[in-house]
Amino acid sequence: MSGFQELDIVLRIILSGILGGLIGLERESLNKSAGFRTHILVCVGSALIMLVSQDIYNIYQNKAALDPARIAAQVVSGIGFLGAGTIMREGATVKGLTTAASLWVVAGVGLAVGAGLYFAALVTTGVVFITLIYLGKVERMVAGLANVLVLLVTADNRPGQLGRVGSYLGEHGILILNIQMKQMSDDRKVMFEIDIKVPPGLDLNRLMYELSDVPGVHHVEWGE
């Protein structure tokens, strides 16, 4: 017989989906390979596995020697394969580590919710959300000391658009180290992920403001 009430099961599954979605929204906003839906699925799946693990223990605890953590523990190792799919290496640059780490943490949040540790799950989600949103500014400031940054430019998907962006950067003495192009859900737009080296003393806020005024450019932000 199950040790959980149906309402409790529904609460845990829905809460895990909400917390996973909050973290996934930030990744989705940067057009990462693992975004909103992926984080929800990982968190909900982890919560379900923990519920199943606990329920199996409740049913058979007096009939066999069972460890309720054994099934749930496989999530920790299994999520590594999913996270590895978000990591890409391009020359000396490795990208996707933050997204892989967020998937790993989301799995932990799901396990916590499934175990009924709501406070721990909420606090962890808050810390992760703050880390992804606000501590990125600190990271960019430190990176700015080395004058190497990642620029995310959302623009029209039309011939010559990358050239217009590149011309602006060149006019301001900004060296382009690497460029990736990602198709947006809207076929009329594309995102350029540009690794740049900026000259000392360049006003980064002014750079973003003026780059946003380049014809065809819709949005400019700093990447991870």
N, C-alpha and C. Protein backbone atom coordinates (compact mmCIF):
# COMPACT_ATOMS: atom_id res chain seq x y z
N MET A 1 0.85 -1.20 0.00
CA MET A 1 0.00 0.00 0.00
C MET A 1 0.88 1.25 0.00
N SER A 2 0.55 2.22 -0.81
CA SER A 2 1.35 3.44 -0.93
C SER A 2 1.37 4.23 0.37
N GLY A 3 2.53 4.82 0.68
CA GLY A 3 2.65 5.62 1.89
C GLY A 3 2.34 7.08 1.67
N PHE A 4 1.94 7.47 0.48
CA PHE A 4 1.67 8.86 0.15
C PHE A 4 0.20 9.07 -0.20
N GLN A 5 -0.32 10.21 0.20
CA GLN A 5 -1.65 10.62 -0.24
C GLN A 5 -1.55 11.22 -1.64
N GLU A 6 -2.61 11.08 -2.41
CA GLU A 6 -2.57 11.57 -3.80
C GLU A 6 -2.31 13.07 -3.85
N LEU A 7 -2.89 13.83 -2.92
CA LEU A 7 -2.69 15.28 -2.91
C LEU A 7 -1.22 15.62 -2.66
N ASP A 8 -0.58 14.85 -1.79
CA ASP A 8 0.83 15.08 -1.50
C ASP A 8 1.69 14.80 -2.73
N ILE A 9 1.35 13.76 -3.47
CA ILE A 9 2.08 13.43 -4.69
C ILE A 9 1.94 14.55 -5.71
N VAL A 10 0.71 15.03 -5.90
CA VAL A 10 0.46 16.11 -6.85
C VAL A 10 1.25 17.36 -6.46
N LEU A 11 1.24 17.68 -5.17
CA LEU A 11 1.95 18.86 -4.68
C LEU A 11 3.44 18.78 -5.00
N ARG A 12 4.04 17.64 -4.74
CA ARG A 12 5.48 17.49 -4.95
C ARG A 12 5.85 17.54 -6.43
N ILE A 13 5.03 16.91 -7.26
CA ILE A 13 5.32 16.91 -8.69
C ILE A 13 5.18 18.33 -9.26
N ILE A 14 4.11 19.02 -8.89
CA ILE A 14 3.89 20.38 -9.41
C ILE A 14 4.98 21.34 -8.90
N LEU A 15 5.32 21.24 -7.61
CA LEU A 15 6.35 22.12 -7.05
C LEU A 15 7.69 21.88 -7.73
N SER A 16 8.02 20.64 -7.99
CA SER A 16 9.28 20.35 -8.68
C SER A 16 9.29 20.95 -10.08
N GLY A 17 8.14 20.90 -10.76
CA GLY A 17 8.05 21.50 -12.08
C GLY A 17 8.23 23.00 -12.05
N ILE A 18 7.67 23.65 -11.04
CA ILE A 18 7.79 25.11 -10.90
C ILE A 18 9.24 25.51 -10.63
N LEU A 19 9.88 24.83 -9.68
CA LEU A 19 11.26 25.18 -9.32
C LEU A 19 12.22 24.91 -10.47
N GLY A 20 12.03 23.78 -11.14
CA GLY A 20 12.87 23.48 -12.29
C GLY A 20 12.66 24.48 -13.41
N GLY A 21 11.41 24.91 -13.58
CA GLY A 21 11.10 25.88 -14.62
C GLY A 21 11.73 27.24 -14.36
N LEU A 22 11.80 27.65 -13.11
CA LEU A 22 12.42 28.94 -12.77
C LEU A 22 13.88 28.97 -13.19
N ILE A 23 14.58 27.90 -12.91
CA ILE A 23 15.99 27.85 -13.31
C ILE A 23 16.10 27.72 -14.83
N GLY A 24 15.22 26.93 -15.42
CA GLY A 24 15.25 26.74 -16.86
C GLY A 24 14.94 27.99 -17.65
N LEU A 25 14.15 28.89 -17.08
CA LEU A 25 13.82 30.14 -17.77
C LEU A 25 15.06 30.97 -18.05
N GLU A 26 15.97 31.01 -17.08
CA GLU A 26 17.20 31.79 -17.27
C GLU A 26 18.04 31.19 -18.39
N ARG A 27 18.13 29.86 -18.43
CA ARG A 27 18.89 29.19 -19.49
C ARG A 27 18.22 29.39 -20.84
N GLU A 28 16.88 29.35 -20.84
CA GLU A 28 16.13 29.54 -22.09
C GLU A 28 16.33 30.95 -22.63
N SER A 29 16.41 31.94 -21.72
CA SER A 29 16.57 33.32 -22.16
C SER A 29 17.89 33.53 -22.89
N LEU A 30 18.87 32.67 -22.61
CA LEU A 30 20.17 32.76 -23.29
C LEU A 30 20.28 31.77 -24.44
N ASN A 31 19.15 31.14 -24.76
CA ASN A 31 19.08 30.22 -25.90
C ASN A 31 20.07 29.06 -25.76
N LYS A 32 20.17 28.52 -24.53
CA LYS A 32 21.07 27.40 -24.28
C LYS A 32 20.45 26.09 -24.75
N SER A 33 21.30 25.07 -24.92
CA SER A 33 20.83 23.79 -25.44
C SER A 33 19.85 23.11 -24.50
N ALA A 34 20.00 23.30 -23.21
CA ALA A 34 19.06 22.78 -22.23
C ALA A 34 18.34 23.97 -21.60
N GLY A 35 17.07 24.14 -21.93
CA GLY A 35 16.35 25.33 -21.49
C GLY A 35 15.18 25.03 -20.58
N PHE A 36 14.09 25.74 -20.80
CA PHE A 36 12.92 25.71 -19.92
C PHE A 36 12.34 24.30 -19.76
N ARG A 37 12.00 23.67 -20.86
CA ARG A 37 11.35 22.36 -20.80
C ARG A 37 12.28 21.28 -20.26
N THR A 38 13.54 21.33 -20.66
CA THR A 38 14.50 20.31 -20.21
C THR A 38 14.67 20.35 -18.70
N HIS A 39 14.79 21.54 -18.13
CA HIS A 39 14.96 21.66 -16.68
C HIS A 39 13.72 21.20 -15.93
N ILE A 40 12.54 21.49 -16.48
CA ILE A 40 11.31 21.02 -15.85
C ILE A 40 11.27 19.50 -15.84
N LEU A 41 11.57 18.89 -16.98
CA LEU A 41 11.52 17.44 -17.09
C LEU A 41 12.52 16.77 -16.15
N VAL A 42 13.72 17.32 -16.05
CA VAL A 42 14.72 16.75 -15.15
C VAL A 42 14.27 16.84 -13.70
N CYS A 43 13.73 17.98 -13.32
CA CYS A 43 13.30 18.18 -11.93
C CYS A 43 12.10 17.31 -11.58
N VAL A 44 11.13 17.26 -12.46
CA VAL A 44 9.94 16.44 -12.22
C VAL A 44 10.32 14.95 -12.19
N GLY A 45 11.16 14.54 -13.13
CA GLY A 45 11.59 13.15 -13.17
C GLY A 45 12.34 12.75 -11.92
N SER A 46 13.19 13.63 -11.41
CA SER A 46 13.94 13.34 -10.19
C SER A 46 13.00 13.22 -9.00
N ALA A 47 12.01 14.11 -8.93
CA ALA A 47 11.04 14.04 -7.84
C ALA A 47 10.25 12.74 -7.89
N LEU A 48 9.85 12.33 -9.09
CA LEU A 48 9.10 11.09 -9.24
C LEU A 48 9.94 9.89 -8.81
N ILE A 49 11.20 9.87 -9.20
CA ILE A 49 12.08 8.75 -8.84
C ILE A 49 12.24 8.67 -7.32
N MET A 50 12.36 9.82 -6.67
CA MET A 50 12.46 9.81 -5.21
C MET A 50 11.16 9.31 -4.57
N LEU A 51 10.02 9.72 -5.10
CA LEU A 51 8.73 9.24 -4.59
C LEU A 51 8.62 7.73 -4.74
N VAL A 52 8.98 7.23 -5.91
CA VAL A 52 8.93 5.79 -6.15
C VAL A 52 9.86 5.05 -5.20
N SER A 53 11.06 5.58 -5.02
CA SER A 53 12.04 4.96 -4.14
C SER A 53 11.52 4.87 -2.71
N GLN A 54 10.96 5.98 -2.22
CA GLN A 54 10.42 5.99 -0.86
C GLN A 54 9.22 5.06 -0.73
N ASP A 55 8.38 5.03 -1.74
CA ASP A 55 7.18 4.21 -1.69
C ASP A 55 7.51 2.73 -1.68
N ILE A 56 8.50 2.35 -2.50
CA ILE A 56 8.93 0.95 -2.52
C ILE A 56 9.45 0.54 -1.14
N TYR A 57 10.18 1.46 -0.51
CA TYR A 57 10.69 1.18 0.84
C TYR A 57 9.54 1.02 1.84
N ASN A 58 8.54 1.89 1.76
CA ASN A 58 7.40 1.80 2.68
C ASN A 58 6.63 0.50 2.52
N ILE A 59 6.54 0.02 1.27
CA ILE A 59 5.78 -1.19 1.01
C ILE A 59 6.52 -2.44 1.49
N TYR A 60 7.85 -2.47 1.29
CA TYR A 60 8.61 -3.71 1.54
C TYR A 60 9.54 -3.62 2.74
N GLN A 61 9.44 -2.57 3.55
CA GLN A 61 10.41 -2.41 4.63
C GLN A 61 10.38 -3.54 5.65
N ASN A 62 9.24 -4.16 5.85
CA ASN A 62 9.14 -5.27 6.81
C ASN A 62 9.27 -6.63 6.15
N LYS A 63 9.49 -6.63 4.82
CA LYS A 63 9.57 -7.90 4.09
C LYS A 63 10.94 -8.17 3.52
N ALA A 64 11.73 -7.12 3.33
CA ALA A 64 13.07 -7.29 2.76
C ALA A 64 13.95 -6.12 3.19
N ALA A 65 15.26 -6.36 3.16
CA ALA A 65 16.21 -5.31 3.50
C ALA A 65 16.38 -4.38 2.31
N LEU A 66 15.92 -3.14 2.44
CA LEU A 66 15.95 -2.19 1.34
C LEU A 66 16.60 -0.90 1.77
N ASP A 67 17.26 -0.25 0.82
CA ASP A 67 17.84 1.08 1.04
C ASP A 67 17.04 2.06 0.17
N PRO A 68 16.25 2.95 0.76
CA PRO A 68 15.41 3.86 -0.03
C PRO A 68 16.19 4.84 -0.89
N ALA A 69 17.49 4.96 -0.62
CA ALA A 69 18.30 5.92 -1.38
C ALA A 69 18.92 5.30 -2.64
N ARG A 70 18.84 3.99 -2.80
CA ARG A 70 19.56 3.34 -3.89
C ARG A 70 19.03 3.76 -5.27
N ILE A 71 17.70 3.76 -5.42
CA ILE A 71 17.14 4.15 -6.72
C ILE A 71 17.40 5.62 -6.99
N ALA A 72 17.14 6.47 -5.99
CA ALA A 72 17.32 7.91 -6.16
C ALA A 72 18.77 8.26 -6.45
N ALA A 73 19.71 7.48 -5.90
CA ALA A 73 21.13 7.78 -6.10
C ALA A 73 21.54 7.66 -7.57
N GLN A 74 20.81 6.86 -8.31
CA GLN A 74 21.15 6.69 -9.72
C GLN A 74 20.88 7.96 -10.53
N VAL A 75 20.04 8.85 -10.00
CA VAL A 75 19.78 10.12 -10.68
C VAL A 75 21.06 10.94 -10.76
N VAL A 76 21.82 10.93 -9.68
CA VAL A 76 23.04 11.75 -9.60
C VAL A 76 24.03 11.33 -10.68
N SER A 77 24.20 10.02 -10.85
CA SER A 77 25.13 9.56 -11.88
C SER A 77 24.51 9.64 -13.28
N GLY A 78 23.21 9.37 -13.38
CA GLY A 78 22.55 9.39 -14.69
C GLY A 78 22.47 10.77 -15.30
N ILE A 79 22.34 11.79 -14.46
CA ILE A 79 22.19 13.14 -15.00
C ILE A 79 23.50 13.61 -15.63
N GLY A 80 24.60 12.93 -15.28
CA GLY A 80 25.88 13.30 -15.87
C GLY A 80 25.91 13.10 -17.37
N PHE A 81 25.23 12.07 -17.85
CA PHE A 81 25.19 11.83 -19.29
C PHE A 81 24.41 12.93 -20.01
N LEU A 82 23.32 13.37 -19.40
CA LEU A 82 22.53 14.45 -20.00
C LEU A 82 23.31 15.75 -19.99
N GLY A 83 23.99 16.02 -18.88
CA GLY A 83 24.78 17.25 -18.78
C GLY A 83 25.93 17.27 -19.76
N ALA A 84 26.51 16.09 -20.00
CA ALA A 84 27.64 16.03 -20.94
C ALA A 84 27.22 16.44 -22.34
N GLY A 85 25.95 16.24 -22.67
CA GLY A 85 25.45 16.61 -23.99
C GLY A 85 25.35 18.11 -24.20
N THR A 86 25.42 18.88 -23.12
CA THR A 86 25.34 20.34 -23.25
C THR A 86 26.72 20.98 -23.32
N ILE A 87 27.77 20.19 -23.11
CA ILE A 87 29.13 20.73 -23.09
C ILE A 87 29.76 20.56 -24.47
N MET A 88 30.28 21.64 -24.99
CA MET A 88 30.93 21.63 -26.30
C MET A 88 32.32 22.23 -26.18
N ARG A 89 33.24 21.67 -26.93
CA ARG A 89 34.60 22.20 -26.95
C ARG A 89 34.89 22.75 -28.33
N GLU A 90 35.35 23.98 -28.35
CA GLU A 90 35.72 24.63 -29.60
C GLU A 90 37.13 25.17 -29.45
N GLY A 91 38.10 24.41 -29.96
CA GLY A 91 39.50 24.80 -29.78
C GLY A 91 39.87 24.74 -28.31
N ALA A 92 40.33 25.87 -27.79
CA ALA A 92 40.72 25.92 -26.38
C ALA A 92 39.56 26.34 -25.48
N THR A 93 38.39 26.58 -26.07
CA THR A 93 37.25 27.06 -25.31
C THR A 93 36.27 25.93 -25.03
N VAL A 94 35.80 25.85 -23.79
CA VAL A 94 34.79 24.88 -23.40
C VAL A 94 33.53 25.63 -23.02
N LYS A 95 32.42 25.30 -23.65
CA LYS A 95 31.16 25.99 -23.40
C LYS A 95 30.12 25.01 -22.90
N GLY A 96 29.17 25.51 -22.13
CA GLY A 96 28.06 24.69 -21.66
C GLY A 96 28.22 24.14 -20.27
N LEU A 97 29.32 24.48 -19.58
CA LEU A 97 29.55 23.95 -18.24
C LEU A 97 28.49 24.45 -17.25
N THR A 98 28.12 25.72 -17.37
CA THR A 98 27.12 26.28 -16.47
C THR A 98 25.77 25.60 -16.66
N THR A 99 25.39 25.35 -17.92
CA THR A 99 24.13 24.67 -18.20
C THR A 99 24.15 23.24 -17.66
N ALA A 100 25.28 22.55 -17.84
CA ALA A 100 25.41 21.19 -17.31
C ALA A 100 25.28 21.19 -15.79
N ALA A 101 25.90 22.19 -15.14
CA ALA A 101 25.83 22.29 -13.68
C ALA A 101 24.41 22.60 -13.23
N SER A 102 23.69 23.44 -13.99
CA SER A 102 22.31 23.77 -13.61
C SER A 102 21.41 22.54 -13.71
N LEU A 103 21.64 21.70 -14.70
CA LEU A 103 20.88 20.44 -14.80
C LEU A 103 21.15 19.54 -13.60
N TRP A 104 22.39 19.47 -13.19
CA TRP A 104 22.77 18.65 -12.05
C TRP A 104 22.10 19.16 -10.77
N VAL A 105 22.11 20.48 -10.59
CA VAL A 105 21.48 21.06 -9.40
C VAL A 105 19.97 20.86 -9.45
N VAL A 106 19.37 21.03 -10.62
CA VAL A 106 17.92 20.84 -10.77
C VAL A 106 17.52 19.41 -10.40
N ALA A 107 18.35 18.44 -10.77
CA ALA A 107 18.07 17.06 -10.39
C ALA A 107 18.06 16.93 -8.86
N GLY A 108 19.01 17.61 -8.21
CA GLY A 108 19.05 17.60 -6.75
C GLY A 108 17.82 18.26 -6.14
N VAL A 109 17.37 19.35 -6.75
CA VAL A 109 16.16 20.03 -6.28
C VAL A 109 14.95 19.09 -6.39
N GLY A 110 14.87 18.38 -7.51
CA GLY A 110 13.78 17.43 -7.69
C GLY A 110 13.79 16.33 -6.65
N LEU A 111 14.98 15.81 -6.34
CA LEU A 111 15.10 14.78 -5.31
C LEU A 111 14.67 15.32 -3.95
N ALA A 112 15.05 16.56 -3.66
CA ALA A 112 14.68 17.16 -2.38
C ALA A 112 13.16 17.32 -2.27
N VAL A 113 12.53 17.80 -3.34
CA VAL A 113 11.07 17.95 -3.33
C VAL A 113 10.40 16.60 -3.19
N GLY A 114 10.89 15.61 -3.92
CA GLY A 114 10.32 14.27 -3.83
C GLY A 114 10.43 13.68 -2.44
N ALA A 115 11.49 14.07 -1.71
CA ALA A 115 11.69 13.59 -0.35
C ALA A 115 10.92 14.43 0.68
N GLY A 116 10.27 15.49 0.22
CA GLY A 116 9.51 16.34 1.13
C GLY A 116 10.34 17.42 1.79
N LEU A 117 11.55 17.63 1.32
CA LEU A 117 12.43 18.68 1.88
C LEU A 117 12.18 19.99 1.13
N TYR A 118 11.00 20.55 1.34
CA TYR A 118 10.58 21.72 0.57
C TYR A 118 11.45 22.94 0.83
N PHE A 119 11.80 23.16 2.09
CA PHE A 119 12.58 24.35 2.43
C PHE A 119 13.95 24.30 1.76
N ALA A 120 14.59 23.14 1.83
CA ALA A 120 15.90 22.99 1.19
C ALA A 120 15.81 23.20 -0.32
N ALA A 121 14.74 22.70 -0.93
CA ALA A 121 14.57 22.86 -2.38
C ALA A 121 14.35 24.32 -2.74
N LEU A 122 13.54 25.04 -1.95
CA LEU A 122 13.26 26.45 -2.22
C LEU A 122 14.51 27.30 -2.06
N VAL A 123 15.26 27.06 -0.99
CA VAL A 123 16.49 27.84 -0.76
C VAL A 123 17.50 27.58 -1.87
N THR A 124 17.65 26.32 -2.25
CA THR A 124 18.60 25.98 -3.32
C THR A 124 18.22 26.64 -4.63
N THR A 125 16.92 26.61 -4.95
CA THR A 125 16.46 27.26 -6.18
C THR A 125 16.75 28.75 -6.15
N GLY A 126 16.52 29.38 -5.01
CA GLY A 126 16.82 30.81 -4.89
C GLY A 126 18.28 31.11 -5.07
N VAL A 127 19.14 30.31 -4.47
CA VAL A 127 20.58 30.52 -4.59
C VAL A 127 21.04 30.33 -6.03
N VAL A 128 20.53 29.28 -6.69
CA VAL A 128 20.90 29.02 -8.09
C VAL A 128 20.43 30.15 -8.99
N PHE A 129 19.19 30.61 -8.78
CA PHE A 129 18.63 31.68 -9.61
C PHE A 129 19.45 32.96 -9.46
N ILE A 130 19.80 33.30 -8.23
CA ILE A 130 20.62 34.50 -7.99
C ILE A 130 22.00 34.34 -8.63
N THR A 131 22.57 33.13 -8.52
CA THR A 131 23.88 32.87 -9.09
C THR A 131 23.88 33.07 -10.60
N LEU A 132 22.85 32.54 -11.26
CA LEU A 132 22.79 32.62 -12.72
C LEU A 132 22.50 34.04 -13.20
N ILE A 133 21.63 34.75 -12.49
CA ILE A 133 21.19 36.07 -12.94
C ILE A 133 22.17 37.17 -12.53
N TYR A 134 22.52 37.22 -11.25
CA TYR A 134 23.24 38.38 -10.74
C TYR A 134 24.75 38.17 -10.62
N LEU A 135 25.18 36.98 -10.23
CA LEU A 135 26.62 36.77 -10.09
C LEU A 135 27.32 36.74 -11.44
N GLY A 136 26.53 36.58 -12.51
CA GLY A 136 27.11 36.68 -13.85
C GLY A 136 27.72 38.05 -14.08
N LYS A 137 27.13 39.09 -13.45
CA LYS A 137 27.67 40.44 -13.59
C LYS A 137 29.05 40.54 -12.95
N VAL A 138 29.19 39.89 -11.78
CA VAL A 138 30.49 39.88 -11.11
C VAL A 138 31.50 39.13 -11.97
N GLU A 139 31.07 38.01 -12.54
CA GLU A 139 31.94 37.22 -13.40
C GLU A 139 32.39 38.02 -14.61
N ARG A 140 31.46 38.77 -15.20
CA ARG A 140 31.81 39.59 -16.36
C ARG A 140 32.76 40.72 -15.97
N MET A 141 32.59 41.24 -14.74
CA MET A 141 33.47 42.31 -14.28
C MET A 141 34.90 41.79 -14.12
N VAL A 142 35.00 40.58 -13.58
CA VAL A 142 36.32 39.97 -13.43
C VAL A 142 36.91 39.66 -14.80
N ALA A 143 36.04 39.14 -15.69
CA ALA A 143 36.50 38.86 -17.05
C ALA A 143 36.91 40.14 -17.75
N GLY A 144 36.22 41.23 -17.40
CA GLY A 144 36.54 42.50 -18.02
C GLY A 144 37.94 42.96 -17.69
N LEU A 145 38.48 42.52 -16.54
CA LEU A 145 39.85 42.88 -16.19
C LEU A 145 40.83 42.25 -17.17
N ALA A 146 40.44 41.12 -17.73
CA ALA A 146 41.28 40.47 -18.73
C ALA A 146 40.88 40.91 -20.14
N ASN A 147 39.84 41.74 -20.22
CA ASN A 147 39.38 42.32 -21.49
C ASN A 147 38.82 41.28 -22.46
N VAL A 148 38.43 40.10 -21.96
CA VAL A 148 37.84 39.07 -22.82
C VAL A 148 36.42 38.81 -22.34
N LEU A 149 35.44 39.00 -23.25
CA LEU A 149 34.03 38.91 -22.89
C LEU A 149 33.28 38.12 -23.96
N VAL A 150 32.05 37.71 -23.58
CA VAL A 150 31.16 37.03 -24.53
C VAL A 150 29.96 37.94 -24.76
N LEU A 151 29.70 38.25 -26.01
CA LEU A 151 28.61 39.15 -26.39
C LEU A 151 27.52 38.36 -27.11
N LEU A 152 26.28 38.50 -26.65
CA LEU A 152 25.14 37.83 -27.27
C LEU A 152 24.31 38.88 -28.00
N VAL A 153 24.20 38.75 -29.30
CA VAL A 153 23.51 39.73 -30.13
C VAL A 153 22.37 39.04 -30.87
N THR A 154 21.14 39.46 -30.59
CA THR A 154 19.97 38.96 -31.32
C THR A 154 19.65 39.94 -32.43
N ALA A 155 19.61 39.43 -33.67
CA ALA A 155 19.46 40.33 -34.82
C ALA A 155 18.61 39.66 -35.89
N ASP A 156 18.29 40.46 -36.93
CA ASP A 156 17.55 39.93 -38.08
C ASP A 156 18.38 38.86 -38.78
N ASN A 157 17.70 37.84 -39.23
CA ASN A 157 18.36 36.77 -39.99
C ASN A 157 18.31 37.14 -41.47
N ARG A 158 19.29 37.95 -41.88
CA ARG A 158 19.34 38.40 -43.26
C ARG A 158 20.79 38.58 -43.70
N PRO A 159 21.05 38.51 -44.99
CA PRO A 159 22.43 38.64 -45.48
C PRO A 159 23.06 39.96 -45.05
N GLY A 160 24.30 39.89 -44.64
CA GLY A 160 25.05 41.09 -44.28
C GLY A 160 24.89 41.54 -42.85
N GLN A 161 24.00 40.89 -42.07
CA GLN A 161 23.77 41.36 -40.70
C GLN A 161 24.99 41.16 -39.82
N LEU A 162 25.62 40.01 -39.94
CA LEU A 162 26.84 39.77 -39.16
C LEU A 162 27.93 40.76 -39.54
N GLY A 163 28.00 41.09 -40.81
CA GLY A 163 28.98 42.07 -41.26
C GLY A 163 28.78 43.43 -40.63
N ARG A 164 27.51 43.84 -40.47
CA ARG A 164 27.23 45.14 -39.85
C ARG A 164 27.67 45.15 -38.38
N VAL A 165 27.39 44.04 -37.69
CA VAL A 165 27.80 43.94 -36.29
C VAL A 165 29.33 43.93 -36.20
N GLY A 166 29.97 43.14 -37.07
CA GLY A 166 31.43 43.06 -37.06
C GLY A 166 32.09 44.39 -37.39
N SER A 167 31.48 45.14 -38.30
CA SER A 167 32.04 46.44 -38.67
C SER A 167 32.02 47.40 -37.49
N TYR A 168 30.91 47.38 -36.73
CA TYR A 168 30.82 48.25 -35.56
C TYR A 168 31.92 47.89 -34.55
N LEU A 169 32.06 46.59 -34.28
CA LEU A 169 33.08 46.17 -33.31
C LEU A 169 34.48 46.56 -33.79
N GLY A 170 34.75 46.38 -35.07
CA GLY A 170 36.06 46.72 -35.61
C GLY A 170 36.35 48.19 -35.52
N GLU A 171 35.35 49.03 -35.75
CA GLU A 171 35.54 50.48 -35.68
C GLU A 171 35.93 50.94 -34.28
N HIS A 172 35.57 50.15 -33.27
CA HIS A 172 35.88 50.51 -31.89
C HIS A 172 37.08 49.74 -31.35
N GLY A 173 37.83 49.12 -32.24
CA GLY A 173 39.06 48.44 -31.84
C GLY A 173 38.84 47.15 -31.08
N ILE A 174 37.66 46.56 -31.25
CA ILE A 174 37.33 45.32 -30.54
C ILE A 174 37.71 44.12 -31.41
N LEU A 175 38.52 43.23 -30.86
CA LEU A 175 39.00 42.06 -31.59
C LEU A 175 38.01 40.90 -31.42
N ILE A 176 37.55 40.33 -32.53
CA ILE A 176 36.64 39.18 -32.49
C ILE A 176 37.47 37.90 -32.45
N LEU A 177 37.28 37.10 -31.38
CA LEU A 177 38.04 35.87 -31.20
C LEU A 177 37.30 34.65 -31.76
N ASN A 178 35.97 34.64 -31.64
CA ASN A 178 35.19 33.50 -32.09
C ASN A 178 33.73 33.92 -32.26
N ILE A 179 33.05 33.31 -33.23
CA ILE A 179 31.64 33.63 -33.47
C ILE A 179 30.85 32.33 -33.64
N GLN A 180 29.71 32.24 -32.95
CA GLN A 180 28.76 31.16 -33.17
C GLN A 180 27.42 31.77 -33.56
N MET A 181 26.72 31.12 -34.46
CA MET A 181 25.40 31.60 -34.87
C MET A 181 24.36 30.56 -34.47
N LYS A 182 23.31 30.99 -33.77
CA LYS A 182 22.25 30.09 -33.31
C LYS A 182 20.91 30.58 -33.85
N GLN A 183 20.17 29.67 -34.46
CA GLN A 183 18.85 30.01 -34.99
C GLN A 183 17.84 30.14 -33.86
N MET A 184 17.06 31.20 -33.87
CA MET A 184 16.03 31.40 -32.86
C MET A 184 14.76 30.67 -33.27
N SER A 185 13.81 30.57 -32.32
CA SER A 185 12.53 29.94 -32.62
C SER A 185 11.79 30.70 -33.72
N ASP A 186 12.00 32.01 -33.73
CA ASP A 186 11.49 32.85 -34.82
C ASP A 186 12.52 32.82 -35.95
N ASP A 187 12.16 32.23 -37.08
CA ASP A 187 13.11 32.06 -38.19
C ASP A 187 13.65 33.38 -38.71
N ARG A 188 12.97 34.47 -38.39
CA ARG A 188 13.42 35.77 -38.89
C ARG A 188 14.54 36.37 -38.05
N LYS A 189 14.88 35.70 -36.93
CA LYS A 189 15.92 36.23 -36.04
C LYS A 189 16.99 35.17 -35.81
N VAL A 190 18.18 35.65 -35.47
CA VAL A 190 19.30 34.77 -35.19
C VAL A 190 20.10 35.38 -34.04
N MET A 191 20.78 34.52 -33.28
CA MET A 191 21.63 35.02 -32.19
C MET A 191 23.09 34.77 -32.54
N PHE A 192 23.90 35.83 -32.44
CA PHE A 192 25.34 35.72 -32.60
C PHE A 192 25.99 35.68 -31.22
N GLU A 193 26.72 34.63 -30.93
CA GLU A 193 27.50 34.53 -29.69
C GLU A 193 28.94 34.84 -30.05
N ILE A 194 29.40 36.01 -29.65
CA ILE A 194 30.69 36.52 -30.12
C ILE A 194 31.67 36.66 -28.95
N ASP A 195 32.79 35.95 -29.02
CA ASP A 195 33.86 36.12 -28.04
C ASP A 195 34.73 37.29 -28.50
N ILE A 196 34.85 38.30 -27.65
CA ILE A 196 35.57 39.50 -28.04
C ILE A 196 36.65 39.86 -27.02
N LYS A 197 37.65 40.57 -27.50
CA LYS A 197 38.66 41.15 -26.63
C LYS A 197 38.59 42.66 -26.81
N VAL A 198 38.27 43.35 -25.73
CA VAL A 198 38.05 44.80 -25.82
C VAL A 198 39.29 45.55 -25.39
N PRO A 199 39.50 46.72 -25.96
CA PRO A 199 40.66 47.54 -25.56
C PRO A 199 40.47 48.10 -24.16
N PRO A 200 41.54 48.34 -23.44
CA PRO A 200 41.44 48.88 -22.07
C PRO A 200 40.71 50.23 -22.07
N GLY A 201 39.87 50.42 -21.05
CA GLY A 201 39.18 51.69 -20.89
C GLY A 201 37.90 51.83 -21.68
N LEU A 202 37.51 50.83 -22.45
CA LEU A 202 36.29 50.92 -23.25
C LEU A 202 35.07 50.90 -22.34
N ASP A 203 34.12 51.79 -22.56
CA ASP A 203 32.89 51.85 -21.79
C ASP A 203 31.96 50.73 -22.27
N LEU A 204 31.82 49.68 -21.45
CA LEU A 204 31.04 48.52 -21.86
C LEU A 204 29.54 48.83 -21.97
N ASN A 205 29.05 49.69 -21.09
CA ASN A 205 27.63 50.07 -21.16
C ASN A 205 27.33 50.83 -22.45
N ARG A 206 28.24 51.71 -22.82
CA ARG A 206 28.07 52.46 -24.08
C ARG A 206 28.16 51.52 -25.28
N LEU A 207 29.05 50.52 -25.17
CA LEU A 207 29.18 49.53 -26.24
C LEU A 207 27.84 48.83 -26.48
N MET A 208 27.20 48.37 -25.42
CA MET A 208 25.91 47.68 -25.56
C MET A 208 24.84 48.62 -26.12
N TYR A 209 24.84 49.86 -25.62
CA TYR A 209 23.83 50.83 -26.04
C TYR A 209 23.96 51.14 -27.53
N GLU A 210 25.18 51.41 -27.98
CA GLU A 210 25.38 51.78 -29.37
C GLU A 210 25.21 50.57 -30.30
N LEU A 211 25.60 49.41 -29.85
CA LEU A 211 25.44 48.21 -30.67
C LEU A 211 23.96 47.87 -30.87
N SER A 212 23.16 48.21 -29.87
CA SER A 212 21.71 47.99 -29.99
C SER A 212 21.09 48.86 -31.07
N ASP A 213 21.77 49.98 -31.40
CA ASP A 213 21.26 50.89 -32.43
C ASP A 213 21.71 50.52 -33.84
N VAL A 214 22.54 49.50 -33.96
CA VAL A 214 22.96 49.06 -35.29
C VAL A 214 21.74 48.51 -36.03
N PRO A 215 21.49 48.91 -37.27
CA PRO A 215 20.32 48.44 -38.00
C PRO A 215 20.21 46.91 -38.01
N GLY A 216 19.02 46.41 -37.67
CA GLY A 216 18.79 44.98 -37.67
C GLY A 216 19.04 44.30 -36.34
N VAL A 217 19.66 44.99 -35.37
CA VAL A 217 19.95 44.42 -34.06
C VAL A 217 18.77 44.66 -33.12
N HIS A 218 18.30 43.60 -32.45
CA HIS A 218 17.13 43.72 -31.57
C HIS A 218 17.50 43.72 -30.09
N HIS A 219 18.52 42.97 -29.74
CA HIS A 219 18.86 42.85 -28.31
C HIS A 219 20.33 42.50 -28.16
N VAL A 220 20.96 43.09 -27.13
CA VAL A 220 22.38 42.83 -26.85
C VAL A 220 22.52 42.57 -25.36
N GLU A 221 23.26 41.51 -25.01
CA GLU A 221 23.54 41.22 -23.61
C GLU A 221 24.86 40.47 -23.50
N TRP A 222 25.34 40.38 -22.26
CA TRP A 222 26.58 39.65 -22.03
C TRP A 222 26.27 38.20 -21.77
N GLY A 223 27.07 37.29 -22.31
CA GLY A 223 26.90 35.86 -22.10
C GLY A 223 27.77 35.36 -20.97
N GLU A 224 27.68 34.04 -20.71
CA GLU A 224 28.46 33.46 -19.64
C GLU A 224 29.88 33.17 -20.08
